[in-house]
Amino acid sequence: MSLENMNQVRSVLKHFIAIEQSEGMGARVRRSVGTHEMRKFLPFLMLDHFTVAPPAGFPDHPHHGQETITYIIEGAVAHEDITGSRGVLRPGDLQFMTAGRGIVHSEIPVSFADNRASKGLQLWVDLPEKLKNTRPRYRDLRREEIPTAKPNENVSVKVISGNSYGVESLADLAYTPIHFYYFTLNKNNVEFEQGFPKDFNVFLYVLKGSVSINKQVYPQYSAVFFKADGDSIRGVSSSENTEFAVIGGRILDQEVVHYGPFVETSKSKLIQVIKNYQEGKNGFERAQYWTSSISNGIDESRAKKILQQSNLTF
């Protein structure tokens, strides 16, 4: 029996085109999760497809009770946090950040001589209630560490987290189980399929070209959300060059109460987190007087020096 016959294909729950809007200090984003169209899709709280160029950026700001996953497509983004961690993400690199009980950090695009913008995806993932107050942690996943699945000459999949066409990613990148794949299809009418556990919520976001699922075409910037009624998604490309992300995560059965980047499971807990931040305690001890060294910008020369400390180059 073929794999195609064994898998139960998920049906589409909802779809829409992500509309561009302003965010941060001068950035532009297309937000799919975290809008009136789809407030949350647990464990997912937000997905932004961002474009940001100096002097715009996301300067010093806090987080609590969630994880963020940032994937760079073009340009480069520097990051630095209150714990002393810092780095530079290049095209193809990712950062998995667990805010846990509290973190303050800065995310700033690198300034290049040709004034290029930095583009990428940032995903906010809810933490299970029992891990809301865990210690913060970072994991920079470098492009050299990401395996690629090539089931045929027309399909290429960056296996960021999970298993695609028999190719396995690195493990334990996030506390909340997440599968993340970046598909590139190089011609029209190319079939693709991706399996997921049945207890995962799954969605697809089209960055370039278009895809067809069950004979309906979804153009560029479409967000397609699937019902939890099967163990795979399947479709075909509808353009000559198509790129899309397919993301899934284990469904969390818990309340979500949030205020900006603070995420909790009840109003009383959220009020306490805001108080912790204001009073500089329980993870925010340095928040009142800390300023990142990149908040006013970072040029290519300095970014190269930071990369060299990890034996990396652009």
Protein backbone atom coordinates (compact mmCIF):
# COMPACT_ATOMS: atom_id res chain seq x y z
CA MET A 1 0.00 0.00 0.00
CA SER A 2 1.40 3.44 -0.91
CA LEU A 3 2.02 6.24 1.61
CA GLU A 4 -0.58 8.31 -0.23
CA ASN A 5 -3.28 5.71 0.40
CA MET A 6 -2.34 5.28 4.06
CA ASN A 7 -2.47 8.97 5.02
CA GLN A 8 -5.69 10.78 5.86
CA VAL A 9 -5.39 14.22 4.24
CA ARG A 10 -6.50 17.21 6.31
CA SER A 11 -9.19 19.53 5.06
CA VAL A 12 -8.98 23.32 5.06
CA LEU A 13 -10.46 25.13 8.07
CA LYS A 14 -9.94 28.73 6.99
CA HIS A 15 -7.85 30.84 4.63
CA PHE A 16 -7.15 34.51 3.96
CA ILE A 17 -4.46 36.81 2.57
CA ALA A 18 -2.23 38.45 5.19
CA ILE A 19 -2.45 42.24 4.85
CA GLU A 20 0.64 44.40 5.30
CA GLN A 21 0.70 46.66 8.38
CA SER A 22 3.14 48.68 10.50
CA GLU A 23 4.85 47.13 13.52
CA GLY A 24 7.70 47.98 15.90
CA MET A 25 9.76 51.04 15.00
CA GLY A 26 9.12 51.42 11.28
CA ALA A 27 8.89 47.74 10.28
CA ARG A 28 6.26 46.35 7.90
CA VAL A 29 4.66 42.98 8.58
CA ARG A 30 2.08 40.67 7.05
CA ARG A 31 0.44 39.03 10.06
CA SER A 32 -1.55 35.84 9.68
CA VAL A 33 -1.90 34.40 13.18
CA GLY A 34 -2.73 37.11 15.71
CA THR A 35 -5.25 39.12 13.67
CA HIS A 36 -9.05 39.39 13.72
CA GLU A 37 -9.07 36.68 11.03
CA MET A 38 -7.26 34.19 13.30
CA ARG A 39 -6.66 35.45 16.84
CA LYS A 40 -4.83 32.32 17.92
CA PHE A 41 -4.31 28.80 16.63
CA LEU A 42 -2.80 27.08 19.64
CA PRO A 43 -0.01 26.67 20.28
CA PHE A 44 0.53 29.55 17.83
CA LEU A 45 -0.08 33.12 18.96
CA MET A 46 1.35 35.09 16.03
CA LEU A 47 3.11 34.77 12.68
CA ASP A 48 4.65 37.85 11.10
CA HIS A 49 6.21 37.95 7.64
CA PHE A 50 8.39 41.00 8.25
CA THR A 51 10.37 43.51 6.19
CA VAL A 52 12.62 45.83 8.17
CA ALA A 53 15.48 48.14 7.18
CA PRO A 54 17.58 50.55 9.29
CA PRO A 55 16.83 52.72 11.16
CA ALA A 56 13.66 50.67 11.75
CA GLY A 57 13.71 47.63 14.02
CA PHE A 58 12.47 46.03 17.21
CA PRO A 59 14.48 47.73 19.98
CA ASP A 60 14.57 46.70 23.65
CA HIS A 61 11.31 45.01 24.64
CA PRO A 62 10.17 42.28 27.08
CA HIS A 63 8.57 38.84 26.72
CA HIS A 64 7.04 36.38 29.17
CA GLY A 65 5.36 32.98 28.94
CA GLN A 66 6.09 32.17 25.30
CA GLU A 67 8.69 31.08 22.76
CA THR A 68 9.63 32.92 19.59
CA ILE A 69 11.06 31.40 16.42
CA THR A 70 12.70 33.76 13.93
CA TYR A 71 13.71 32.69 10.41
CA ILE A 72 15.77 35.05 8.24
CA ILE A 73 15.17 34.96 4.46
CA GLU A 74 17.11 38.04 3.30
CA GLY A 75 19.51 40.49 4.95
CA ALA A 76 20.56 39.92 8.56
CA VAL A 77 19.20 40.64 12.03
CA ALA A 78 21.25 41.14 15.19
CA HIS A 79 19.89 40.22 18.60
CA GLU A 80 20.97 40.92 22.15
CA ASP A 81 19.30 40.30 25.50
CA ILE A 82 19.41 41.17 29.16
CA THR A 83 21.30 37.95 30.03
CA GLY A 84 24.27 38.95 27.85
CA SER A 85 23.42 36.66 24.94
CA ARG A 86 23.92 38.15 21.48
CA GLY A 87 24.34 37.06 17.87
CA VAL A 88 23.62 37.75 14.22
CA LEU A 89 21.18 35.77 12.12
CA ARG A 90 22.06 35.40 8.43
CA PRO A 91 19.80 34.27 5.56
CA GLY A 92 18.75 30.71 6.34
CA ASP A 93 19.50 31.01 10.07
CA LEU A 94 16.92 30.71 12.84
CA GLN A 95 16.66 31.63 16.47
CA PHE A 96 14.59 29.70 19.00
CA MET A 97 14.04 31.86 22.08
CA THR A 98 12.25 30.74 25.22
CA ALA A 99 11.16 33.79 27.19
CA GLY A 100 9.90 31.74 30.13
CA ARG A 101 9.54 33.79 33.30
CA GLY A 102 10.95 36.92 31.66
CA ILE A 103 13.41 38.32 29.16
CA VAL A 104 14.18 41.71 27.62
CA HIS A 105 15.86 41.74 24.23
CA SER A 106 16.46 43.74 21.07
CA GLU A 107 16.19 42.68 17.42
CA ILE A 108 17.77 45.11 14.95
CA PRO A 109 18.44 44.73 11.20
CA VAL A 110 22.05 44.97 10.12
CA SER A 111 22.87 48.10 8.11
CA PHE A 112 24.46 47.20 4.76
CA ALA A 113 26.14 49.54 2.29
CA ASP A 114 23.50 48.76 -0.35
CA ASN A 115 20.67 49.62 2.11
CA ARG A 116 19.03 46.22 1.64
CA ALA A 117 16.11 45.34 3.88
CA SER A 118 15.98 42.27 6.09
CA LYS A 119 13.08 39.89 5.58
CA GLY A 120 11.89 36.85 7.44
CA LEU A 121 9.27 35.10 9.54
CA GLN A 122 8.70 35.40 13.27
CA LEU A 123 6.46 32.92 15.04
CA TRP A 124 5.17 33.29 18.61
CA VAL A 125 4.42 29.99 20.34
CA ASP A 126 2.60 29.60 23.64
CA LEU A 127 4.35 27.74 26.44
CA PRO A 128 2.54 25.03 28.42
CA GLU A 129 1.26 26.46 31.70
CA LYS A 130 3.76 24.46 33.78
CA LEU A 131 6.66 26.04 31.83
CA LYS A 132 5.53 29.68 31.93
CA ASN A 133 8.14 30.47 34.59
CA THR A 134 11.00 28.38 33.26
CA ARG A 135 14.44 29.93 32.82
CA PRO A 136 14.95 31.83 29.54
CA ARG A 137 17.09 30.16 26.89
CA TYR A 138 18.31 30.74 23.33
CA ARG A 139 19.24 28.45 20.49
CA ASP A 140 20.62 29.89 17.25
CA LEU A 141 20.06 27.26 14.55
CA ARG A 142 22.52 27.91 11.75
CA ARG A 143 21.74 27.23 8.11
CA GLU A 144 24.63 24.76 8.03
CA GLU A 145 22.75 22.66 10.62
CA ILE A 146 19.48 22.45 8.69
CA PRO A 147 19.11 19.33 6.51
CA THR A 148 17.34 19.50 3.15
CA ALA A 149 14.98 16.87 1.77
CA LYS A 150 14.91 16.50 -2.03
CA PRO A 151 12.37 13.82 -2.92
CA ASN A 152 12.70 14.73 -6.61
CA GLU A 153 14.30 17.34 -8.85
CA ASN A 154 11.38 19.74 -8.42
CA VAL A 155 10.92 19.73 -4.64
CA SER A 156 13.30 20.99 -1.95
CA VAL A 157 12.37 21.13 1.74
CA LYS A 158 14.41 22.74 4.50
CA VAL A 159 13.66 20.50 7.47
CA ILE A 160 13.95 23.06 10.25
CA SER A 161 12.14 20.96 12.82
CA GLY A 162 10.53 17.56 12.24
CA ASN A 163 10.78 14.94 9.49
CA SER A 164 10.08 15.43 5.79
CA TYR A 165 10.43 12.74 3.14
CA GLY A 166 12.54 10.69 5.55
CA VAL A 167 14.94 13.51 6.46
CA GLU A 168 15.14 14.30 10.19
CA SER A 169 15.98 17.66 11.80
CA LEU A 170 17.87 18.37 14.97
CA ALA A 171 15.79 17.71 18.08
CA ASP A 172 14.74 19.61 21.21
CA LEU A 173 14.77 23.09 19.69
CA ALA A 174 11.68 24.30 21.55
CA TYR A 175 9.79 23.24 24.68
CA THR A 176 6.47 23.18 22.83
CA PRO A 177 6.67 20.47 20.12
CA ILE A 178 6.88 22.29 16.76
CA HIS A 179 7.39 21.06 13.19
CA PHE A 180 8.61 23.69 10.71
CA TYR A 181 9.31 23.15 6.99
CA TYR A 182 10.25 25.55 4.20
CA PHE A 183 9.23 24.24 0.76
CA THR A 184 10.61 25.37 -2.60
CA LEU A 185 8.94 24.01 -5.76
CA ASN A 186 10.64 25.01 -9.01
CA LYS A 187 7.86 24.47 -11.58
CA ASN A 188 4.09 24.47 -11.96
CA ASN A 189 1.91 21.49 -11.02
CA VAL A 190 4.44 19.83 -8.68
CA GLU A 191 2.89 17.68 -5.96
CA PHE A 192 3.87 17.97 -2.30
CA GLU A 193 2.82 16.21 0.88
CA GLN A 194 3.78 16.65 4.52
CA GLY A 195 2.80 14.48 7.44
CA PHE A 196 1.96 15.69 10.95
CA PRO A 197 0.87 14.08 14.23
CA LYS A 198 -2.90 14.09 14.62
CA ASP A 199 -2.69 16.20 17.81
CA PHE A 200 -0.98 19.09 15.98
CA ASN A 201 -2.56 22.25 14.63
CA VAL A 202 -1.15 22.92 11.14
CA PHE A 203 -1.08 25.89 8.79
CA LEU A 204 0.65 26.94 5.58
CA TYR A 205 1.85 30.39 4.52
CA VAL A 206 2.70 31.24 0.90
CA LEU A 207 5.71 33.53 0.50
CA LYS A 208 6.15 33.27 -3.27
CA GLY A 209 3.96 32.04 -6.12
CA SER A 210 0.81 30.07 -5.35
CA VAL A 211 -0.36 26.61 -4.33
CA SER A 212 -3.46 24.57 -5.05
CA ILE A 213 -5.11 22.47 -2.36
CA ASN A 214 -8.16 20.38 -3.25
CA LYS A 215 -8.42 22.29 -6.55
CA GLN A 216 -8.54 25.73 -4.89
CA VAL A 217 -5.66 28.11 -5.65
CA TYR A 218 -4.10 30.11 -2.81
CA PRO A 219 -1.98 33.05 -4.05
CA GLN A 220 1.04 34.78 -2.54
CA TYR A 221 0.67 35.84 1.12
CA SER A 222 -2.17 33.37 1.69
CA ALA A 223 -2.45 31.76 5.12
CA VAL A 224 -4.19 28.38 5.00
CA PHE A 225 -5.29 26.72 8.25
CA PHE A 226 -6.16 23.03 8.42
CA LYS A 227 -8.62 21.06 10.50
CA ALA A 228 -7.21 18.41 12.84
CA ASP A 229 -8.94 15.68 10.83
CA GLY A 230 -6.00 13.84 9.31
CA ASP A 231 -2.28 13.13 9.48
CA SER A 232 -0.99 14.96 6.37
CA ILE A 233 -1.53 17.92 4.09
CA ARG A 234 -1.25 17.65 0.31
CA GLY A 235 -1.30 19.98 -2.66
CA VAL A 236 0.39 21.11 -5.88
CA SER A 237 2.25 24.22 -6.98
CA SER A 238 0.27 26.64 -9.15
CA SER A 239 3.20 28.75 -10.36
CA GLU A 240 6.65 28.23 -11.85
CA ASN A 241 8.48 29.21 -8.65
CA THR A 242 6.72 28.60 -5.36
CA GLU A 243 7.92 29.01 -1.76
CA PHE A 244 5.87 28.37 1.36
CA ALA A 245 6.25 27.49 5.02
CA VAL A 246 4.32 24.62 6.57
CA ILE A 247 4.17 24.80 10.36
CA GLY A 248 2.55 22.58 12.96
CA GLY A 249 2.52 22.40 16.74
CA ARG A 250 0.99 20.27 19.47
CA ILE A 251 -2.39 21.67 20.48
CA LEU A 252 -2.42 23.17 23.98
CA ASP A 253 -5.60 22.84 26.02
CA GLN A 254 -5.28 25.98 28.12
CA GLU A 255 -6.53 29.54 28.37
CA VAL A 256 -4.60 32.38 26.73
CA VAL A 257 -4.61 35.81 28.36
CA HIS A 258 -2.07 38.25 27.01
CA TYR A 259 -1.05 41.87 27.01
CA GLY A 260 1.40 42.58 24.20
CA PRO A 261 4.39 40.24 24.68
CA PHE A 262 3.23 38.95 28.09
CA VAL A 263 1.28 35.67 27.83
CA GLU A 264 -0.42 33.88 30.72
CA THR A 265 -3.35 31.59 31.47
CA SER A 266 -5.37 33.91 33.72
CA LYS A 267 -5.89 37.62 34.26
CA SER A 268 -4.50 37.48 37.81
CA LYS A 269 -1.28 35.82 36.63
CA LEU A 270 -0.94 38.36 33.83
CA ILE A 271 -1.33 41.27 36.26
CA GLN A 272 1.43 39.78 38.41
CA VAL A 273 3.77 39.47 35.41
CA ILE A 274 3.21 43.12 34.47
CA LYS A 275 3.92 44.05 38.09
CA ASN A 276 7.12 41.97 38.04
CA TYR A 277 8.27 43.85 34.96
CA GLN A 278 7.45 47.24 36.44
CA GLU A 279 9.20 46.40 39.72
CA GLY A 280 12.15 44.59 38.16
CA LYS A 281 11.79 41.12 39.70
CA ASN A 282 11.28 37.42 38.83
CA GLY A 283 13.25 37.53 35.59
CA PHE A 284 13.16 41.27 35.01
CA GLU A 285 15.76 42.25 37.66
CA ARG A 286 17.84 44.30 35.20
CA ALA A 287 14.98 45.53 33.03
CA GLN A 288 14.75 49.00 34.54
CA TYR A 289 18.29 50.04 33.70
CA TRP A 290 19.42 47.72 30.87
CA THR A 291 19.93 49.08 27.35
CA SER A 292 21.17 46.90 24.51
CA SER A 293 24.30 47.93 22.64
CA ILE A 294 22.47 47.51 19.30
CA SER A 295 19.37 49.58 20.09
CA ASN A 296 20.71 52.47 18.00
CA GLY A 297 21.78 50.24 15.11
CA ILE A 298 24.51 47.84 14.00
CA ASP A 299 26.57 48.05 10.80
CA GLU A 300 27.90 45.23 8.62
CA SER A 301 31.44 45.53 10.00
CA ARG A 302 30.36 45.00 13.60
CA ALA A 303 28.01 42.20 12.59
CA LYS A 304 30.89 40.41 10.87
CA LYS A 305 32.97 40.61 14.05
CA ILE A 306 30.17 39.04 16.07
CA LEU A 307 29.85 36.23 13.52
CA GLN A 308 33.62 35.67 13.51
CA GLN A 309 33.51 34.98 17.24
CA SER A 310 31.52 31.85 16.31
CA ASN A 311 33.72 31.12 13.26
CA LEU A 312 30.93 32.18 10.90
CA THR A 313 30.73 34.53 7.92
CA PHE A 314 27.93 36.05 5.88
